[in-house]
């Protein structure tokens, strides 16, 4: 079981609730990169060391949400060319150092323009069928041919997935409505049961299509409920203010309401 924790109290609560599942009373603790962007990269490599970057998928949610539950987009929508080129270089170097033949998946976190490697898996990942459908290249077939001894063609070696003329958005599908009392907060443990895709030349439209495809009924949406943790409150004011300006009714919990009310009062005072 995996959990994000922000304090020693969170750790103690986790132990109290899950002591029965702790194998040999051992807990593994990793440092969590708060507010980091997460990126999935799929690489193909042949026996000669030639590599192809099949896709660079930027997650919509921050790092810490399981990649199977997070929406993600190709090409990346907010990464600089410098970061993209560094990610491509790191991915090819990893594939060559590990000597993988066929497919490899690498997950990165990016915070303050620093790139962190979360994990490298010398195998196909769940992201590769999405890439194959979104881009129209049979990556799995190519990987099988590479394992059988074939080499990558020059066109594949020079392929630039960040230059696609459209956005393809993967969104996870959840069935929380079929399982009462299920925790709907996304985290390190995967909860989705499927995925859909939205494609458009416009990023926002691609995301909207993916939301509609995943079952969200957005055409008659009038009311929006907002409730966030204290450490995330500073980031929501502009979003909530924009929604309110566009005619949505905003409902919140008490703490979020108090925070937003103070922000509105301060904004009015500064304008005056």
Protein backbone atom coordinates (compact mmCIF):
# COMPACT_ATOMS: atom_id res chain seq x y z
CA UNK A 1 0.00 0.00 0.00
CA UNK A 2 1.21 3.49 -0.86
CA UNK A 3 0.24 6.81 0.65
CA UNK A 4 1.31 10.46 0.46
CA UNK A 5 2.15 11.85 3.90
CA UNK A 6 2.93 15.40 4.96
CA UNK A 7 3.79 15.00 8.64
CA UNK A 8 4.83 12.54 11.34
CA UNK A 9 1.19 12.54 12.44
CA UNK A 10 0.19 11.25 8.99
CA UNK A 11 2.77 8.47 9.34
CA UNK A 12 1.42 7.46 12.74
CA UNK A 13 -2.17 7.44 11.45
CA UNK A 14 -1.12 5.27 8.53
CA UNK A 15 0.57 2.78 10.89
CA UNK A 16 -2.46 2.70 13.20
CA UNK A 17 -4.80 1.96 10.30
CA UNK A 18 -2.62 -0.49 8.36
CA UNK A 19 -0.49 -2.27 10.96
CA UNK A 20 -2.03 -5.60 9.94
CA UNK A 21 -0.65 -5.23 6.40
CA UNK A 22 2.92 -4.20 7.29
CA UNK A 23 5.22 -7.03 6.28
CA UNK A 24 7.87 -7.62 8.98
CA UNK A 25 6.95 -4.18 10.41
CA UNK A 26 8.90 -2.47 7.61
CA UNK A 27 7.88 0.85 6.05
CA UNK A 28 9.71 2.28 3.02
CA UNK A 29 9.70 6.09 2.95
CA UNK A 30 10.64 8.09 -0.15
CA UNK A 31 10.88 11.86 -0.42
CA UNK A 32 7.85 13.30 -2.23
CA UNK A 33 8.29 16.10 -4.78
CA UNK A 34 5.35 18.40 -4.15
CA UNK A 35 3.96 20.35 -7.11
CA UNK A 36 6.15 18.47 -9.59
CA UNK A 37 5.07 17.63 -13.14
CA UNK A 38 5.17 13.98 -14.15
CA UNK A 39 6.13 12.73 -17.59
CA UNK A 40 5.96 9.27 -19.19
CA UNK A 41 8.37 8.41 -22.01
CA UNK A 42 8.37 5.29 -24.19
CA UNK A 43 11.58 4.34 -26.00
CA UNK A 44 12.37 1.70 -28.62
CA UNK A 45 15.94 0.41 -29.08
CA UNK A 46 17.47 -2.07 -31.50
CA UNK A 47 20.51 -4.35 -31.11
CA UNK A 48 22.78 -1.73 -32.65
CA UNK A 49 21.94 0.92 -30.07
CA UNK A 50 19.67 3.00 -32.29
CA UNK A 51 16.79 4.55 -30.33
CA UNK A 52 13.38 5.96 -31.14
CA UNK A 53 11.36 8.14 -28.76
CA UNK A 54 7.80 6.91 -29.31
CA UNK A 55 6.14 9.53 -27.14
CA UNK A 56 6.59 12.10 -24.38
CA UNK A 57 3.36 12.22 -22.34
CA UNK A 58 2.88 15.07 -19.87
CA UNK A 59 0.48 14.31 -17.02
CA UNK A 60 -2.34 16.72 -16.23
CA UNK A 61 -2.35 15.90 -12.51
CA UNK A 62 0.74 16.64 -10.41
CA UNK A 63 3.24 13.91 -9.65
CA UNK A 64 1.96 11.49 -7.03
CA UNK A 65 -1.14 10.28 -8.88
CA UNK A 66 -0.70 6.79 -10.34
CA UNK A 67 0.09 7.03 -14.06
CA UNK A 68 -2.86 4.74 -14.79
CA UNK A 69 -5.23 7.21 -13.11
CA UNK A 70 -3.72 10.44 -14.38
CA UNK A 71 -4.81 12.16 -17.56
CA UNK A 72 -1.88 12.75 -19.88
CA UNK A 73 -1.26 14.55 -23.15
CA UNK A 74 0.93 14.21 -26.21
CA UNK A 75 2.73 16.27 -27.23
CA UNK A 76 3.78 17.98 -23.94
CA UNK A 77 1.81 21.19 -23.45
CA UNK A 78 3.92 23.14 -20.92
CA UNK A 79 7.49 21.80 -21.13
CA UNK A 80 10.25 23.92 -22.64
CA UNK A 81 12.28 22.70 -25.62
CA UNK A 82 15.30 22.49 -23.32
CA UNK A 83 13.48 20.14 -20.91
CA UNK A 84 12.09 18.04 -23.80
CA UNK A 85 15.54 17.64 -25.37
CA UNK A 86 17.06 16.71 -22.01
CA UNK A 87 14.34 14.10 -21.42
CA UNK A 88 14.97 12.60 -24.87
CA UNK A 89 18.72 12.49 -24.23
CA UNK A 90 18.31 10.90 -20.78
CA UNK A 91 15.88 8.30 -22.12
CA UNK A 92 18.21 7.22 -24.94
CA UNK A 93 21.18 7.06 -22.57
CA UNK A 94 19.20 4.92 -20.12
CA UNK A 95 18.13 2.52 -22.88
CA UNK A 96 21.73 2.13 -24.05
CA UNK A 97 23.17 1.73 -20.54
CA UNK A 98 20.57 -0.91 -19.67
CA UNK A 99 21.00 -2.57 -23.06
CA UNK A 100 17.28 -2.93 -23.62
CA UNK A 101 16.06 -4.28 -26.94
CA UNK A 102 12.48 -3.48 -27.81
CA UNK A 103 10.44 -1.22 -25.57
CA UNK A 104 11.31 0.69 -22.41
CA UNK A 105 9.19 3.07 -20.31
CA UNK A 106 10.69 5.86 -18.19
CA UNK A 107 8.83 8.05 -15.71
CA UNK A 108 10.19 11.48 -14.82
CA UNK A 109 9.26 14.23 -12.37
CA UNK A 110 10.09 17.85 -13.18
CA UNK A 111 10.29 20.49 -10.47
CA UNK A 112 11.87 23.94 -10.77
CA UNK A 113 13.38 22.88 -14.13
CA UNK A 114 15.18 19.97 -12.46
CA UNK A 115 14.53 16.53 -13.97
CA UNK A 116 14.21 13.54 -11.65
CA UNK A 117 14.06 9.94 -12.86
CA UNK A 118 11.33 8.13 -10.92
CA UNK A 119 11.69 4.72 -12.53
CA UNK A 120 12.82 2.98 -15.72
CA UNK A 121 11.05 -0.21 -16.79
CA UNK A 122 12.72 -2.29 -19.56
CA UNK A 123 9.38 -3.48 -20.91
CA UNK A 124 6.20 -2.31 -22.59
CA UNK A 125 3.92 -0.13 -20.46
CA UNK A 126 0.20 0.64 -20.53
CA UNK A 127 1.03 3.88 -22.32
CA UNK A 128 2.24 2.25 -25.53
CA UNK A 129 -1.21 1.14 -26.85
CA UNK A 130 -2.40 4.73 -26.33
CA UNK A 131 0.57 6.07 -28.29
CA UNK A 132 0.07 3.55 -31.10
CA UNK A 133 -3.58 4.61 -31.52
CA UNK A 134 -2.94 8.34 -31.08
CA UNK A 135 0.00 8.54 -33.49
CA UNK A 136 -0.87 5.71 -35.89
CA UNK A 137 2.43 3.83 -35.62
CA UNK A 138 2.36 0.11 -34.61
CA UNK A 139 4.95 0.42 -31.85
CA UNK A 140 4.28 -3.02 -30.38
CA UNK A 141 4.82 -4.72 -33.76
CA UNK A 142 8.01 -2.72 -34.29
CA UNK A 143 9.29 -3.67 -30.82
CA UNK A 144 8.66 -7.36 -31.53
CA UNK A 145 10.62 -7.05 -34.78
CA UNK A 146 13.50 -5.36 -32.92
CA UNK A 147 13.60 -8.21 -30.41
CA UNK A 148 13.72 -10.62 -33.37
CA UNK A 149 16.83 -8.86 -34.71
CA UNK A 150 15.60 -6.13 -37.05
CA UNK A 151 16.98 -2.57 -36.92
CA UNK A 152 15.20 0.76 -36.66
CA UNK A 153 14.80 2.67 -39.91
CA UNK A 154 16.20 6.17 -40.27
CA UNK A 155 12.69 7.67 -40.26
CA UNK A 156 11.92 6.09 -36.90
CA UNK A 157 15.26 7.14 -35.40
CA UNK A 158 14.55 10.76 -36.41
CA UNK A 159 10.89 10.68 -35.30
CA UNK A 160 9.91 13.71 -33.18
CA UNK A 161 6.78 12.98 -31.13
CA UNK A 162 6.82 16.50 -29.68
CA UNK A 163 6.06 17.88 -33.17
CA UNK A 164 2.60 16.34 -33.63
CA UNK A 165 0.15 18.81 -35.28
CA UNK A 166 -2.61 17.93 -32.78
CA UNK A 167 -3.12 17.06 -29.11
CA UNK A 168 -4.12 13.57 -27.99
CA UNK A 169 -5.44 13.39 -24.44
CA UNK A 170 -5.74 10.17 -22.44
CA UNK A 171 -8.24 10.22 -19.59
CA UNK A 172 -8.89 7.47 -17.06
CA UNK A 173 -12.34 5.98 -16.50
CA UNK A 174 -13.54 5.33 -12.94
CA UNK A 175 -16.56 3.47 -11.60
CA UNK A 176 -16.83 5.08 -8.17
CA UNK A 177 -20.63 5.29 -8.58
CA UNK A 178 -20.80 1.48 -8.62
CA UNK A 179 -18.81 1.08 -5.40
CA UNK A 180 -20.38 3.06 -2.52
CA UNK A 181 -18.06 4.42 0.19
CA UNK A 182 -15.02 4.15 -2.10
CA UNK A 183 -12.31 6.78 -1.54
CA UNK A 184 -12.44 8.95 -4.67
CA UNK A 185 -9.21 10.84 -3.91
CA UNK A 186 -6.53 9.88 -6.44
CA UNK A 187 -3.08 8.87 -5.20
CA UNK A 188 -0.26 6.39 -5.77
CA UNK A 189 -2.57 3.35 -5.96
CA UNK A 190 -4.37 2.79 -9.28
CA UNK A 191 -8.18 2.94 -9.16
CA UNK A 192 -9.24 3.33 -12.81
CA UNK A 193 -10.87 0.56 -14.84
CA UNK A 194 -10.28 1.89 -18.35
CA UNK A 195 -9.35 4.90 -20.45
CA UNK A 196 -10.56 7.06 -23.32
CA UNK A 197 -8.94 9.47 -25.76
CA UNK A 198 -9.75 12.98 -26.98
CA UNK A 199 -8.01 14.41 -30.06
CA UNK A 200 -8.10 17.96 -31.39
CA UNK A 201 -5.82 20.66 -32.78
CA UNK A 202 -6.71 22.74 -29.70
CA UNK A 203 -5.45 21.56 -26.30
CA UNK A 204 -8.58 22.65 -24.41
CA UNK A 205 -10.91 20.93 -26.88
CA UNK A 206 -8.87 17.72 -26.71
CA UNK A 207 -9.21 17.76 -22.93
CA UNK A 208 -12.94 18.51 -23.12
CA UNK A 209 -13.48 15.59 -25.52
CA UNK A 210 -11.61 13.26 -23.19
CA UNK A 211 -13.82 14.33 -20.26
CA UNK A 212 -17.01 13.77 -22.24
CA UNK A 213 -15.70 10.42 -23.45
CA UNK A 214 -14.97 9.31 -19.88
CA UNK A 215 -18.61 9.81 -18.93
CA UNK A 216 -18.68 13.29 -17.41
CA UNK A 217 -21.88 15.15 -18.25
CA UNK A 218 -20.66 18.70 -18.76
CA UNK A 219 -23.27 20.18 -21.08
CA UNK A 220 -25.66 21.34 -18.32
CA UNK A 221 -23.14 21.97 -15.56
CA UNK A 222 -24.19 24.90 -13.37
CA UNK A 223 -22.85 24.18 -9.88
CA UNK A 224 -19.24 23.44 -8.87
CA UNK A 225 -18.16 22.17 -5.46
CA UNK A 226 -14.67 23.16 -4.28
CA UNK A 227 -12.81 21.77 -1.26
CA UNK A 228 -9.03 21.56 -0.99
CA UNK A 229 -6.38 21.02 1.67
CA UNK A 230 -4.86 24.05 3.40
CA UNK A 231 -1.54 23.63 1.61
CA UNK A 232 -3.30 23.76 -1.79
CA UNK A 233 -5.61 26.70 -1.15
CA UNK A 234 -3.27 29.39 -2.50
CA UNK A 235 -3.45 27.86 -5.97
CA UNK A 236 -7.23 27.77 -6.40
CA UNK A 237 -8.30 31.41 -6.14
CA UNK A 238 -7.71 32.36 -9.78
CA UNK A 239 -9.44 29.20 -11.02
CA UNK A 240 -12.48 29.67 -8.77
CA UNK A 241 -12.66 33.37 -9.63
CA UNK A 242 -12.63 32.54 -13.36
CA UNK A 243 -15.39 29.95 -12.93
CA UNK A 244 -17.50 32.45 -11.00
CA UNK A 245 -16.97 35.14 -13.67
CA UNK A 246 -18.20 32.65 -16.29
CA UNK A 247 -21.52 32.15 -14.51
CA UNK A 248 -20.95 29.02 -12.43
CA UNK A 249 -22.34 28.73 -8.91
CA UNK A 250 -19.52 27.91 -6.47
CA UNK A 251 -20.12 25.77 -3.38
CA UNK A 252 -17.38 25.10 -0.83
CA UNK A 253 -16.64 23.65 2.58
CA UNK A 254 -16.30 26.12 5.50
CA UNK A 255 -12.49 26.36 5.46
CA UNK A 256 -12.30 26.89 1.70
CA UNK A 257 -15.08 29.48 1.89
CA UNK A 258 -13.24 31.44 4.58
CA UNK A 259 -10.03 31.40 2.55
CA UNK A 260 -11.74 32.56 -0.66
CA UNK A 261 -13.71 35.25 1.17
CA UNK A 262 -10.49 36.70 2.61
CA UNK A 263 -8.91 36.63 -0.87
CA UNK A 264 -11.88 38.50 -2.38
CA UNK A 265 -11.83 41.09 0.44
CA UNK A 266 -8.08 41.62 -0.02
CA UNK A 267 -8.47 41.97 -3.79
CA UNK A 268 -11.21 44.59 -3.42
CA UNK A 269 -9.12 46.47 -0.86
CA UNK A 270 -6.09 46.51 -3.18
CA UNK A 271 -8.17 47.75 -6.11
CA UNK A 272 -9.59 50.58 -3.99
